[in-house]
């Protein structure tokens, strides 16, 4: 376990952990006490159209310490881990040491282990993948993947499965094969302080339920209403947890209580997947008990 005083002030810091575990609060404490710029490593917090619903730092938070890579991508744009690495690269050499915080494990793995330069997916391939997923379900995509790729990815995560299917369809090579040709990482673990925030399941589930109520009180429904015109569930920005539920409520399809319940369930399921993934892939990271 790491204490605040154990964190060197001259090395980059990585902070990973499940949603609602207090990662951003920890990053802010480190930045305020020892200096640094907080850099986002959450795949949904990059989008400009969701601040409240994704628990992005508030304007007050951003005024306390420098922040980067939050809300800088348009709602209609695609954004991948490759985009994130390119946006991050100049910040690694900036005067302020980076404190990179988020819940997207793939971002951290690409940063510390390297990322294969896979060709982009053509629109026609993505459209076909969308149709298969909608009509036949996740299993239909999984069945086409090679064994090595199935063993490497989170097979319960539709975005990861679809991405692997698109890579195979586009290039004729499995994602695992591409990853075997990975170049050196931008920031190896040996060059930074890597912290994994660990949270008790009961404690975290209570936080998740309370946080969604706070989001509603802070204007999450108004935020969803602003996204209603032109809503496209296939966009990466539409994957914000709670967004489909609030959109369904605004369309009169479900009650607000049902939307709240479904969003909380989805968040708990997501946090469970995160905890499982982190335990498997971040065994060497320093542990930090949530709430401390």
C-alpha atoms as a PDB file:
ATOM      1  CA  UNK A   1       0.000   0.000   0.000  1.00  0.00           C
ATOM      2  CA  UNK A   2       1.207   3.506  -0.831  1.00  0.00           C
ATOM      3  CA  UNK A   3       0.829   6.667   1.280  1.00  0.00           C
ATOM      4  CA  UNK A   4       0.673  10.189  -0.093  1.00  0.00           C
ATOM      5  CA  UNK A   5       4.121  10.885   1.324  1.00  0.00           C
ATOM      6  CA  UNK A   6       5.518   7.855  -0.539  1.00  0.00           C
ATOM      7  CA  UNK A   7       4.732   9.327  -3.968  1.00  0.00           C
ATOM      8  CA  UNK A   8       7.823  10.992  -5.504  1.00  0.00           C
ATOM      9  CA  UNK A   9       7.242  14.527  -6.734  1.00  0.00           C
ATOM     10  CA  UNK A  10       9.438  14.170  -9.816  1.00  0.00           C
ATOM     11  CA  UNK A  11       7.896  11.118 -11.515  1.00  0.00           C
ATOM     12  CA  UNK A  12       4.700  10.704 -13.545  1.00  0.00           C
ATOM     13  CA  UNK A  13       1.814   9.168 -11.589  1.00  0.00           C
ATOM     14  CA  UNK A  14      -0.771   6.731 -12.947  1.00  0.00           C
ATOM     15  CA  UNK A  15      -4.032   6.270 -11.026  1.00  0.00           C
ATOM     16  CA  UNK A  16      -6.446   3.565 -12.167  1.00  0.00           C
ATOM     17  CA  UNK A  17      -9.532   2.219 -10.456  1.00  0.00           C
ATOM     18  CA  UNK A  18     -13.223   1.418 -10.873  1.00  0.00           C
ATOM     19  CA  UNK A  19     -15.819   4.087 -11.456  1.00  0.00           C
ATOM     20  CA  UNK A  20     -16.873   6.112  -8.379  1.00  0.00           C
ATOM     21  CA  UNK A  21     -13.848   4.951  -6.351  1.00  0.00           C
ATOM     22  CA  UNK A  22     -12.441   8.440  -5.737  1.00  0.00           C
ATOM     23  CA  UNK A  23      -9.607   8.443  -8.288  1.00  0.00           C
ATOM     24  CA  UNK A  24     -10.042  12.104  -9.218  1.00  0.00           C
ATOM     25  CA  UNK A  25     -10.035  13.208  -5.576  1.00  0.00           C
ATOM     26  CA  UNK A  26      -6.769  11.349  -5.029  1.00  0.00           C
ATOM     27  CA  UNK A  27      -5.245  12.902  -8.152  1.00  0.00           C
ATOM     28  CA  UNK A  28      -6.248  16.371  -6.964  1.00  0.00           C
ATOM     29  CA  UNK A  29      -4.674  15.813  -3.542  1.00  0.00           C
ATOM     30  CA  UNK A  30      -1.426  14.713  -5.162  1.00  0.00           C
ATOM     31  CA  UNK A  31      -1.406  17.684  -7.539  1.00  0.00           C
ATOM     32  CA  UNK A  32      -2.129  20.177  -4.768  1.00  0.00           C
ATOM     33  CA  UNK A  33       0.477  18.797  -2.379  1.00  0.00           C
ATOM     34  CA  UNK A  34       3.288  17.852  -4.760  1.00  0.00           C
ATOM     35  CA  UNK A  35       2.461  19.522  -8.067  1.00  0.00           C
ATOM     36  CA  UNK A  36       1.456  18.204 -11.453  1.00  0.00           C
ATOM     37  CA  UNK A  37      -1.212  18.303 -14.137  1.00  0.00           C
ATOM     38  CA  UNK A  38      -4.158  15.881 -14.025  1.00  0.00           C
ATOM     39  CA  UNK A  39      -4.551  14.105 -17.365  1.00  0.00           C
ATOM     40  CA  UNK A  40      -7.650  12.145 -18.290  1.00  0.00           C
ATOM     41  CA  UNK A  41      -7.469   8.413 -19.040  1.00  0.00           C
ATOM     42  CA  UNK A  42     -11.200   7.760 -19.354  1.00  0.00           C
ATOM     43  CA  UNK A  43     -12.540   6.915 -22.819  1.00  0.00           C
ATOM     44  CA  UNK A  44     -15.868   8.706 -22.289  1.00  0.00           C
ATOM     45  CA  UNK A  45     -14.720  11.771 -20.356  1.00  0.00           C
ATOM     46  CA  UNK A  46     -12.898  12.936 -23.486  1.00  0.00           C
ATOM     47  CA  UNK A  47     -16.227  13.902 -25.086  1.00  0.00           C
ATOM     48  CA  UNK A  48     -17.505  17.466 -24.863  1.00  0.00           C
ATOM     49  CA  UNK A  49     -21.214  16.588 -24.655  1.00  0.00           C
ATOM     50  CA  UNK A  50     -21.088  14.881 -21.242  1.00  0.00           C
ATOM     51  CA  UNK A  51     -19.716  16.563 -18.149  1.00  0.00           C
ATOM     52  CA  UNK A  52     -22.223  15.775 -15.416  1.00  0.00           C
ATOM     53  CA  UNK A  53     -23.122  12.249 -16.535  1.00  0.00           C
ATOM     54  CA  UNK A  54     -19.497  11.131 -16.826  1.00  0.00           C
ATOM     55  CA  UNK A  55     -18.424  12.828 -13.570  1.00  0.00           C
ATOM     56  CA  UNK A  56     -15.877  14.965 -15.374  1.00  0.00           C
ATOM     57  CA  UNK A  57     -14.055  17.493 -13.196  1.00  0.00           C
ATOM     58  CA  UNK A  58     -16.157  20.580 -12.555  1.00  0.00           C
ATOM     59  CA  UNK A  59     -14.986  24.062 -13.588  1.00  0.00           C
ATOM     60  CA  UNK A  60     -14.126  24.595  -9.914  1.00  0.00           C
ATOM     61  CA  UNK A  61     -11.981  21.443  -9.937  1.00  0.00           C
ATOM     62  CA  UNK A  62     -10.199  22.618 -13.055  1.00  0.00           C
ATOM     63  CA  UNK A  63      -9.507  25.979 -11.454  1.00  0.00           C
ATOM     64  CA  UNK A  64      -7.765  24.314  -8.493  1.00  0.00           C
ATOM     65  CA  UNK A  65      -5.124  22.415 -10.492  1.00  0.00           C
ATOM     66  CA  UNK A  66      -4.284  22.098 -14.217  1.00  0.00           C
ATOM     67  CA  UNK A  67      -6.271  19.479 -16.170  1.00  0.00           C
ATOM     68  CA  UNK A  68      -5.908  18.109 -19.710  1.00  0.00           C
ATOM     69  CA  UNK A  69      -7.744  15.869 -22.208  1.00  0.00           C
ATOM     70  CA  UNK A  70     -11.176  16.337 -20.668  1.00  0.00           C
ATOM     71  CA  UNK A  71     -14.082  17.193 -22.961  1.00  0.00           C
ATOM     72  CA  UNK A  72     -11.853  18.050 -25.911  1.00  0.00           C
ATOM     73  CA  UNK A  73     -13.518  15.737 -28.464  1.00  0.00           C
ATOM     74  CA  UNK A  74     -16.763  16.548 -30.307  1.00  0.00           C
ATOM     75  CA  UNK A  75     -19.741  14.283 -29.633  1.00  0.00           C
ATOM     76  CA  UNK A  76     -19.898  13.211 -33.281  1.00  0.00           C
ATOM     77  CA  UNK A  77     -16.223  12.226 -33.546  1.00  0.00           C
ATOM     78  CA  UNK A  78     -14.613   8.831 -33.220  1.00  0.00           C
ATOM     79  CA  UNK A  79     -11.857   8.564 -30.633  1.00  0.00           C
ATOM     80  CA  UNK A  80      -9.587   5.609 -30.010  1.00  0.00           C
ATOM     81  CA  UNK A  81      -6.709   4.673 -27.758  1.00  0.00           C
ATOM     82  CA  UNK A  82      -4.414   5.664 -30.630  1.00  0.00           C
ATOM     83  CA  UNK A  83      -5.909   9.157 -30.671  1.00  0.00           C
ATOM     84  CA  UNK A  84      -5.438   9.367 -26.909  1.00  0.00           C
ATOM     85  CA  UNK A  85      -1.773   8.364 -27.063  1.00  0.00           C
ATOM     86  CA  UNK A  86      -1.094  10.996 -29.714  1.00  0.00           C
ATOM     87  CA  UNK A  87      -2.846  13.659 -27.627  1.00  0.00           C
ATOM     88  CA  UNK A  88      -0.992  12.555 -24.510  1.00  0.00           C
ATOM     89  CA  UNK A  89       2.524  12.342 -25.959  1.00  0.00           C
ATOM     90  CA  UNK A  90       3.399  16.085 -25.785  1.00  0.00           C
ATOM     91  CA  UNK A  91       2.093  16.278 -22.216  1.00  0.00           C
ATOM     92  CA  UNK A  92       4.640  13.711 -21.075  1.00  0.00           C
ATOM     93  CA  UNK A  93       7.411  16.235 -21.807  1.00  0.00           C
ATOM     94  CA  UNK A  94       5.622  19.326 -20.453  1.00  0.00           C
ATOM     95  CA  UNK A  95       6.955  21.221 -17.402  1.00  0.00           C
ATOM     96  CA  UNK A  96       4.147  19.908 -15.174  1.00  0.00           C
ATOM     97  CA  UNK A  97       4.571  16.238 -14.384  1.00  0.00           C
ATOM     98  CA  UNK A  98       1.507  14.256 -15.525  1.00  0.00           C
ATOM     99  CA  UNK A  99      -0.880  12.634 -13.065  1.00  0.00           C
ATOM    100  CA  UNK A 100      -2.802  10.342 -15.401  1.00  0.00           C
ATOM    101  CA  UNK A 101      -6.111   9.194 -13.933  1.00  0.00           C
ATOM    102  CA  UNK A 102      -9.011   7.148 -15.243  1.00  0.00           C
ATOM    103  CA  UNK A 103     -10.856   3.884 -15.461  1.00  0.00           C
ATOM    104  CA  UNK A 104     -10.055   2.788 -19.019  1.00  0.00           C
ATOM    105  CA  UNK A 105      -7.565   0.002 -18.506  1.00  0.00           C
ATOM    106  CA  UNK A 106      -6.767  -0.261 -22.203  1.00  0.00           C
ATOM    107  CA  UNK A 107      -5.418   3.303 -22.179  1.00  0.00           C
ATOM    108  CA  UNK A 108      -3.015   2.471 -19.364  1.00  0.00           C
ATOM    109  CA  UNK A 109      -1.890  -0.767 -20.997  1.00  0.00           C
ATOM    110  CA  UNK A 110      -1.247   0.999 -24.316  1.00  0.00           C
ATOM    111  CA  UNK A 111       0.693   3.714 -22.504  1.00  0.00           C
ATOM    112  CA  UNK A 112       2.889   1.398 -20.438  1.00  0.00           C
ATOM    113  CA  UNK A 113       3.155  -1.614 -22.784  1.00  0.00           C
ATOM    114  CA  UNK A 114       2.874  -0.016 -26.245  1.00  0.00           C
ATOM    115  CA  UNK A 115       0.190  -0.016 -28.927  1.00  0.00           C
ATOM    116  CA  UNK A 116       0.204  -1.804 -32.263  1.00  0.00           C
ATOM    117  CA  UNK A 117      -0.332   0.461 -35.281  1.00  0.00           C
ATOM    118  CA  UNK A 118      -3.500  -1.172 -36.618  1.00  0.00           C
ATOM    119  CA  UNK A 119      -5.052   0.298 -39.800  1.00  0.00           C
ATOM    120  CA  UNK A 120      -8.318   2.200 -39.235  1.00  0.00           C
ATOM    121  CA  UNK A 121     -11.629   0.411 -39.671  1.00  0.00           C
ATOM    122  CA  UNK A 122     -13.533   1.338 -42.854  1.00  0.00           C
ATOM    123  CA  UNK A 123     -17.062   2.660 -42.322  1.00  0.00           C
ATOM    124  CA  UNK A 124     -18.589  -0.285 -44.222  1.00  0.00           C
ATOM    125  CA  UNK A 125     -16.912  -2.787 -41.876  1.00  0.00           C
ATOM    126  CA  UNK A 126     -18.084  -0.933 -38.784  1.00  0.00           C
ATOM    127  CA  UNK A 127     -21.618  -0.753 -40.179  1.00  0.00           C
ATOM    128  CA  UNK A 128     -21.601  -4.506 -40.767  1.00  0.00           C
ATOM    129  CA  UNK A 129     -20.358  -5.128 -37.237  1.00  0.00           C
ATOM    130  CA  UNK A 130     -23.121  -2.884 -35.879  1.00  0.00           C
ATOM    131  CA  UNK A 131     -25.738  -4.885 -37.818  1.00  0.00           C
ATOM    132  CA  UNK A 132     -24.427  -8.241 -36.628  1.00  0.00           C
ATOM    133  CA  UNK A 133     -24.326  -7.077 -33.023  1.00  0.00           C
ATOM    134  CA  UNK A 134     -27.867  -5.685 -33.213  1.00  0.00           C
ATOM    135  CA  UNK A 135     -29.404  -8.686 -34.989  1.00  0.00           C
ATOM    136  CA  UNK A 136     -27.428 -11.670 -33.727  1.00  0.00           C
ATOM    137  CA  UNK A 137     -25.796 -10.501 -30.512  1.00  0.00           C
ATOM    138  CA  UNK A 138     -22.285 -10.562 -29.086  1.00  0.00           C
ATOM    139  CA  UNK A 139     -21.843 -14.315 -29.569  1.00  0.00           C
ATOM    140  CA  UNK A 140     -21.981 -13.952 -33.367  1.00  0.00           C
ATOM    141  CA  UNK A 141     -18.971 -11.621 -33.307  1.00  0.00           C
ATOM    142  CA  UNK A 142     -17.098 -13.747 -30.773  1.00  0.00           C
ATOM    143  CA  UNK A 143     -17.471 -16.888 -32.872  1.00  0.00           C
ATOM    144  CA  UNK A 144     -15.499 -15.300 -35.707  1.00  0.00           C
ATOM    145  CA  UNK A 145     -12.516 -14.334 -33.536  1.00  0.00           C
ATOM    146  CA  UNK A 146      -9.338 -16.380 -33.319  1.00  0.00           C
ATOM    147  CA  UNK A 147      -8.621 -18.196 -30.069  1.00  0.00           C
ATOM    148  CA  UNK A 148      -5.624 -16.039 -29.166  1.00  0.00           C
ATOM    149  CA  UNK A 149      -7.675 -12.854 -29.410  1.00  0.00           C
ATOM    150  CA  UNK A 150     -10.595 -14.307 -27.437  1.00  0.00           C
ATOM    151  CA  UNK A 151      -8.167 -15.217 -24.659  1.00  0.00           C
ATOM    152  CA  UNK A 152      -6.733 -11.692 -24.564  1.00  0.00           C
ATOM    153  CA  UNK A 153      -9.814  -9.428 -24.619  1.00  0.00           C
ATOM    154  CA  UNK A 154     -12.714  -8.904 -22.216  1.00  0.00           C
ATOM    155  CA  UNK A 155     -15.316 -11.062 -23.964  1.00  0.00           C
ATOM    156  CA  UNK A 156     -18.132  -9.491 -21.937  1.00  0.00           C
ATOM    157  CA  UNK A 157     -17.349  -6.003 -23.248  1.00  0.00           C
ATOM    158  CA  UNK A 158     -19.235  -5.356 -26.522  1.00  0.00           C
ATOM    159  CA  UNK A 159     -16.956  -2.479 -27.533  1.00  0.00           C
ATOM    160  CA  UNK A 160     -13.802  -4.593 -27.153  1.00  0.00           C
ATOM    161  CA  UNK A 161     -15.334  -7.586 -28.943  1.00  0.00           C
ATOM    162  CA  UNK A 162     -16.564  -5.458 -31.829  1.00  0.00           C
ATOM    163  CA  UNK A 163     -13.196  -3.752 -32.122  1.00  0.00           C
ATOM    164  CA  UNK A 164     -11.435  -7.131 -32.318  1.00  0.00           C
ATOM    165  CA  UNK A 165     -13.913  -8.333 -34.953  1.00  0.00           C
ATOM    166  CA  UNK A 166     -13.405  -5.182 -37.020  1.00  0.00           C
ATOM    167  CA  UNK A 167      -9.620  -5.582 -36.902  1.00  0.00           C
ATOM    168  CA  UNK A 168      -9.847  -9.172 -38.129  1.00  0.00           C
ATOM    169  CA  UNK A 169     -12.353  -8.282 -40.849  1.00  0.00           C
ATOM    170  CA  UNK A 170     -10.336  -5.264 -42.023  1.00  0.00           C
ATOM    171  CA  UNK A 171      -6.812  -6.703 -41.958  1.00  0.00           C
ATOM    172  CA  UNK A 172      -7.169 -10.471 -42.033  1.00  0.00           C
ATOM    173  CA  UNK A 173      -5.062 -10.651 -38.869  1.00  0.00           C
ATOM    174  CA  UNK A 174      -6.299 -11.213 -35.343  1.00  0.00           C
ATOM    175  CA  UNK A 175      -5.945  -8.464 -32.755  1.00  0.00           C
ATOM    176  CA  UNK A 176      -3.609 -10.652 -30.686  1.00  0.00           C
ATOM    177  CA  UNK A 177      -1.329 -11.055 -33.704  1.00  0.00           C
ATOM    178  CA  UNK A 178      -1.203  -7.290 -34.211  1.00  0.00           C
ATOM    179  CA  UNK A 179      -0.469  -6.750 -30.534  1.00  0.00           C
ATOM    180  CA  UNK A 180       2.461  -9.164 -30.765  1.00  0.00           C
ATOM    181  CA  UNK A 181       4.132  -6.563 -33.022  1.00  0.00           C
ATOM    182  CA  UNK A 182       3.743  -3.795 -30.478  1.00  0.00           C
ATOM    183  CA  UNK A 183       6.352  -0.975 -30.475  1.00  0.00           C
ATOM    184  CA  UNK A 184       8.018   0.268 -27.244  1.00  0.00           C
ATOM    185  CA  UNK A 185       5.700   2.068 -24.783  1.00  0.00           C
ATOM    186  CA  UNK A 186       5.592   5.836 -24.347  1.00  0.00           C
ATOM    187  CA  UNK A 187       5.859   5.479 -20.566  1.00  0.00           C
ATOM    188  CA  UNK A 188       7.031   2.155 -19.100  1.00  0.00           C
ATOM    189  CA  UNK A 189       5.873   1.267 -15.610  1.00  0.00           C
ATOM    190  CA  UNK A 190       9.458   1.464 -14.371  1.00  0.00           C
ATOM    191  CA  UNK A 191       9.465   5.215 -15.088  1.00  0.00           C
ATOM    192  CA  UNK A 192       6.385   6.162 -13.051  1.00  0.00           C
ATOM    193  CA  UNK A 193       4.412   5.584  -9.876  1.00  0.00           C
ATOM    194  CA  UNK A 194       1.447   3.343 -10.754  1.00  0.00           C
ATOM    195  CA  UNK A 195      -1.432   3.228  -8.256  1.00  0.00           C
ATOM    196  CA  UNK A 196      -4.542   1.045  -8.366  1.00  0.00           C
ATOM    197  CA  UNK A 197      -7.440   2.244  -6.218  1.00  0.00           C
ATOM    198  CA  UNK A 198      -9.204  -0.771  -4.715  1.00  0.00           C
ATOM    199  CA  UNK A 199     -12.772  -0.517  -3.432  1.00  0.00           C
ATOM    200  CA  UNK A 200     -14.931  -2.869  -1.392  1.00  0.00           C
ATOM    201  CA  UNK A 201     -17.955  -3.980  -3.439  1.00  0.00           C
ATOM    202  CA  UNK A 202     -20.578  -2.906  -0.881  1.00  0.00           C
ATOM    203  CA  UNK A 203     -18.922   0.463  -0.297  1.00  0.00           C
ATOM    204  CA  UNK A 204     -18.603   1.080  -4.021  1.00  0.00           C
ATOM    205  CA  UNK A 205     -22.196   0.088  -4.844  1.00  0.00           C
ATOM    206  CA  UNK A 206     -23.450   2.574  -2.269  1.00  0.00           C
ATOM    207  CA  UNK A 207     -21.303   5.290  -3.813  1.00  0.00           C
ATOM    208  CA  UNK A 208     -22.618   4.447  -7.276  1.00  0.00           C
ATOM    209  CA  UNK A 209     -26.257   4.757  -6.204  1.00  0.00           C
ATOM    210  CA  UNK A 210     -25.678   8.060  -4.426  1.00  0.00           C
ATOM    211  CA  UNK A 211     -23.593   9.467  -7.264  1.00  0.00           C
ATOM    212  CA  UNK A 212     -26.278   8.955  -9.907  1.00  0.00           C
ATOM    213  CA  UNK A 213     -28.786  10.806  -7.730  1.00  0.00           C
ATOM    214  CA  UNK A 214     -26.261  13.618  -7.400  1.00  0.00           C
ATOM    215  CA  UNK A 215     -25.833  13.656 -11.177  1.00  0.00           C
ATOM    216  CA  UNK A 216     -29.568  14.046 -11.648  1.00  0.00           C
ATOM    217  CA  UNK A 217     -29.621  16.877  -9.111  1.00  0.00           C
ATOM    218  CA  UNK A 218     -26.693  18.542 -10.896  1.00  0.00           C
ATOM    219  CA  UNK A 219     -28.436  18.552 -14.275  1.00  0.00           C
ATOM    220  CA  UNK A 220     -27.753  15.185 -15.937  1.00  0.00           C
ATOM    221  CA  UNK A 221     -31.281  15.109 -17.347  1.00  0.00           C
ATOM    222  CA  UNK A 222     -30.837  18.540 -18.932  1.00  0.00           C
ATOM    223  CA  UNK A 223     -27.537  17.312 -20.344  1.00  0.00           C
ATOM    224  CA  UNK A 224     -29.309  14.318 -21.888  1.00  0.00           C
ATOM    225  CA  UNK A 225     -32.020  16.612 -23.270  1.00  0.00           C
ATOM    226  CA  UNK A 226     -29.347  18.633 -25.050  1.00  0.00           C
ATOM    227  CA  UNK A 227     -28.110  15.389 -26.647  1.00  0.00           C
ATOM    228  CA  UNK A 228     -31.566  14.230 -27.723  1.00  0.00           C
ATOM    229  CA  UNK A 229     -31.635  15.933 -31.169  1.00  0.00           C
ATOM    230  CA  UNK A 230     -29.651  13.746 -33.535  1.00  0.00           C
ATOM    231  CA  UNK A 231     -29.067  11.070 -30.892  1.00  0.00           C
ATOM    232  CA  UNK A 232     -27.113   8.169 -32.413  1.00  0.00           C
ATOM    233  CA  UNK A 233     -26.517   5.187 -30.093  1.00  0.00           C
ATOM    234  CA  UNK A 234     -23.722   3.920 -32.365  1.00  0.00           C
ATOM    235  CA  UNK A 235     -21.427   6.866 -31.600  1.00  0.00           C
ATOM    236  CA  UNK A 236     -18.643   6.308 -29.069  1.00  0.00           C
ATOM    237  CA  UNK A 237     -19.886   9.304 -27.075  1.00  0.00           C
ATOM    238  CA  UNK A 238     -23.270   7.586 -26.677  1.00  0.00           C
ATOM    239  CA  UNK A 239     -21.647   4.842 -24.590  1.00  0.00           C
ATOM    240  CA  UNK A 240     -21.727   7.031 -21.477  1.00  0.00           C
ATOM    241  CA  UNK A 241     -23.361   4.930 -18.771  1.00  0.00           C
ATOM    242  CA  UNK A 242     -26.812   6.331 -18.053  1.00  0.00           C
ATOM    243  CA  UNK A 243     -27.105   8.114 -21.388  1.00  0.00           C
ATOM    244  CA  UNK A 244     -29.293   5.511 -23.185  1.00  0.00           C
ATOM    245  CA  UNK A 245     -31.508   5.258 -20.109  1.00  0.00           C
ATOM    246  CA  UNK A 246     -32.043   9.003 -19.784  1.00  0.00           C
ATOM    247  CA  UNK A 247     -32.651   9.324 -23.522  1.00  0.00           C
ATOM    248  CA  UNK A 248     -35.267   6.552 -23.280  1.00  0.00           C
ATOM    249  CA  UNK A 249     -36.948   8.442 -20.444  1.00  0.00           C
ATOM    250  CA  UNK A 250     -37.005  11.686 -22.412  1.00  0.00           C
ATOM    251  CA  UNK A 251     -38.630   9.813 -25.301  1.00  0.00           C
ATOM    252  CA  UNK A 252     -41.373   8.621 -22.974  1.00  0.00           C
ATOM    253  CA  UNK A 253     -40.307   4.987 -23.119  1.00  0.00           C
ATOM    254  CA  UNK A 254     -39.514   4.509 -19.411  1.00  0.00           C
ATOM    255  CA  UNK A 255     -40.016   6.417 -16.167  1.00  0.00           C
ATOM    256  CA  UNK A 256     -37.238   8.375 -14.529  1.00  0.00           C
ATOM    257  CA  UNK A 257     -37.180   5.877 -11.648  1.00  0.00           C
ATOM    258  CA  UNK A 258     -36.675   3.045 -14.131  1.00  0.00           C
ATOM    259  CA  UNK A 259     -33.935   5.003 -15.874  1.00  0.00           C
ATOM    260  CA  UNK A 260     -32.229   5.587 -12.527  1.00  0.00           C
ATOM    261  CA  UNK A 261     -32.452   1.897 -11.596  1.00  0.00           C
ATOM    262  CA  UNK A 262     -31.157   0.673 -14.959  1.00  0.00           C
ATOM    263  CA  UNK A 263     -28.309   3.173 -14.997  1.00  0.00           C
ATOM    264  CA  UNK A 264     -27.241   2.173 -11.485  1.00  0.00           C
ATOM    265  CA  UNK A 265     -27.303  -1.515 -12.442  1.00  0.00           C
ATOM    266  CA  UNK A 266     -25.255  -0.815 -15.579  1.00  0.00           C
ATOM    267  CA  UNK A 267     -22.720   1.154 -13.537  1.00  0.00           C
ATOM    268  CA  UNK A 268     -22.374  -1.639 -10.969  1.00  0.00           C
ATOM    269  CA  UNK A 269     -21.856  -4.178 -13.756  1.00  0.00           C
ATOM    270  CA  UNK A 270     -19.256  -1.936 -15.366  1.00  0.00           C
ATOM    271  CA  UNK A 271     -17.413  -1.501 -12.064  1.00  0.00           C
ATOM    272  CA  UNK A 272     -17.370  -5.269 -11.587  1.00  0.00           C
ATOM    273  CA  UNK A 273     -15.796  -5.744 -15.027  1.00  0.00           C
ATOM    274  CA  UNK A 274     -13.251  -3.044 -14.225  1.00  0.00           C
ATOM    275  CA  UNK A 275     -12.253  -4.659 -10.921  1.00  0.00           C
ATOM    276  CA  UNK A 276     -11.834  -8.048 -12.586  1.00  0.00           C
ATOM    277  CA  UNK A 277      -9.760  -6.583 -15.416  1.00  0.00           C
ATOM    278  CA  UNK A 278      -7.565  -4.535 -13.087  1.00  0.00           C
ATOM    279  CA  UNK A 279      -6.842  -7.491 -10.817  1.00  0.00           C
ATOM    280  CA  UNK A 280      -5.776  -9.559 -13.819  1.00  0.00           C
ATOM    281  CA  UNK A 281      -3.727  -6.941 -15.686  1.00  0.00           C
ATOM    282  CA  UNK A 282      -2.400  -4.667 -12.918  1.00  0.00           C
ATOM    283  CA  UNK A 283      -1.051  -7.147 -10.404  1.00  0.00           C
ATOM    284  CA  UNK A 284       2.202  -5.189  -9.961  1.00  0.00           C
ATOM    285  CA  UNK A 285       0.572  -1.782  -9.372  1.00  0.00           C
ATOM    286  CA  UNK A 286       0.659  -0.306  -5.872  1.00  0.00           C
ATOM    287  CA  UNK A 287      -2.652  -0.702  -4.021  1.00  0.00           C
ATOM    288  CA  UNK A 288      -4.531   2.279  -2.582  1.00  0.00           C
ATOM    289  CA  UNK A 289      -7.660   1.631  -0.471  1.00  0.00           C
ATOM    290  CA  UNK A 290     -10.600   3.689  -1.744  1.00  0.00           C
ATOM    291  CA  UNK A 291     -11.685   6.447   0.607  1.00  0.00           C
ATOM    292  CA  UNK A 292      -8.211   7.051   2.064  1.00  0.00           C
END
